[in-house]
Amino acid sequence: MPFPLPLALAIYVTIWWIVLFAVLPLGVRSAEEAGEERPEGSDPGAPVAPQLARKAAITTVVAAIIFGFVALAANYVAG
């Protein structure tokens, strides 16, 4: 492994957060777009069903794949 464990964890967590912010807007529909009634005083752009657990799972898988490529590249450069 080309990275010490703390550095590898820091790199993975950084990749995970970046991927999460890329995945969060996917499939989001507001109450207005979905044609549903919204409670008085709520934000019209608030998502109906954000599916955060599903997005966290997708983020974890994609971040692991990207981290694998980063580790392979670092191992290749290290010789």
Protein backbone atom coordinates (compact mmCIF):
# COMPACT_ATOMS: atom_id res chain seq x y z
CA MET A 1 0.00 0.00 0.00
CA PRO A 2 1.55 3.29 -1.04
CA PHE A 3 -0.15 5.33 1.70
CA PRO A 4 0.06 5.07 5.46
CA LEU A 5 -3.37 4.21 6.90
CA PRO A 6 -4.21 7.70 8.28
CA LEU A 7 -3.37 9.30 4.93
CA ALA A 8 -5.39 6.68 3.05
CA LEU A 9 -8.40 7.33 5.29
CA ALA A 10 -8.05 11.09 4.83
CA ILE A 11 -7.90 10.71 1.05
CA TYR A 12 -10.92 8.36 1.03
CA VAL A 13 -13.00 10.67 3.24
CA THR A 14 -12.14 13.65 1.02
CA ILE A 15 -13.11 11.72 -2.11
CA TRP A 16 -16.31 10.52 -0.39
CA TRP A 17 -17.46 14.06 0.42
CA ILE A 18 -16.69 15.34 -3.08
CA VAL A 19 -18.64 12.47 -4.63
CA LEU A 20 -21.51 13.01 -2.18
CA PHE A 21 -21.90 16.62 -3.31
CA ALA A 22 -21.95 15.42 -6.92
CA VAL A 23 -24.57 12.72 -6.19
CA LEU A 24 -26.93 14.73 -3.94
CA PRO A 25 -28.80 16.60 -6.69
CA LEU A 26 -29.48 13.47 -8.77
CA GLY A 27 -33.15 12.52 -8.90
CA VAL A 28 -34.33 15.28 -6.57
CA ARG A 29 -37.84 16.60 -7.19
CA SER A 30 -39.50 19.41 -5.32
CA ALA A 31 -43.10 19.21 -4.12
CA GLU A 32 -44.05 21.65 -6.85
CA GLU A 33 -42.45 19.49 -9.56
CA ALA A 34 -44.05 16.36 -8.14
CA GLY A 35 -47.47 18.04 -8.10
CA GLU A 36 -47.92 17.55 -4.36
CA GLU A 37 -49.35 19.94 -1.83
CA ARG A 38 -46.74 21.49 0.43
CA PRO A 39 -47.27 22.69 3.99
CA GLU A 40 -47.67 26.42 4.51
CA GLY A 41 -44.32 28.09 5.15
CA SER A 42 -42.17 25.36 3.64
CA ASP A 43 -39.56 26.06 1.01
CA PRO A 44 -40.93 25.43 -2.49
CA GLY A 45 -37.61 23.90 -3.53
CA ALA A 46 -37.43 21.41 -0.67
CA PRO A 47 -37.13 17.83 -1.95
CA VAL A 48 -40.07 15.45 -1.61
CA ALA A 49 -38.01 12.29 -1.05
CA PRO A 50 -34.24 12.95 -0.97
CA GLN A 51 -33.32 9.22 -0.60
CA LEU A 52 -30.24 10.00 1.47
CA ALA A 53 -29.45 6.40 2.45
CA ARG A 54 -29.45 5.31 -1.20
CA LYS A 55 -27.25 8.26 -2.16
CA ALA A 56 -24.82 7.50 0.69
CA ALA A 57 -24.53 3.90 -0.54
CA ILE A 58 -23.92 5.04 -4.12
CA THR A 59 -21.37 7.56 -2.86
CA THR A 60 -19.54 4.88 -0.88
CA VAL A 61 -19.23 2.58 -3.88
CA VAL A 62 -18.17 5.32 -6.30
CA ALA A 63 -15.67 6.76 -3.79
CA ALA A 64 -14.15 3.30 -3.26
CA ILE A 65 -13.69 2.86 -7.02
CA ILE A 66 -12.09 6.30 -7.37
CA PHE A 67 -9.87 5.64 -4.35
CA GLY A 68 -8.80 2.36 -5.96
CA PHE A 69 -7.69 4.25 -9.06
CA VAL A 70 -5.84 6.79 -6.91
CA ALA A 71 -4.08 4.00 -5.00
CA LEU A 72 -3.15 2.24 -8.25
CA ALA A 73 -1.79 5.46 -9.70
CA ALA A 74 0.23 6.17 -6.55
CA ASN A 75 1.55 2.60 -6.54
CA TYR A 76 2.50 2.92 -10.22
CA VAL A 77 4.32 6.21 -9.61
CA ALA A 78 6.08 4.82 -6.53
CA GLY A 79 7.44 2.07 -8.69
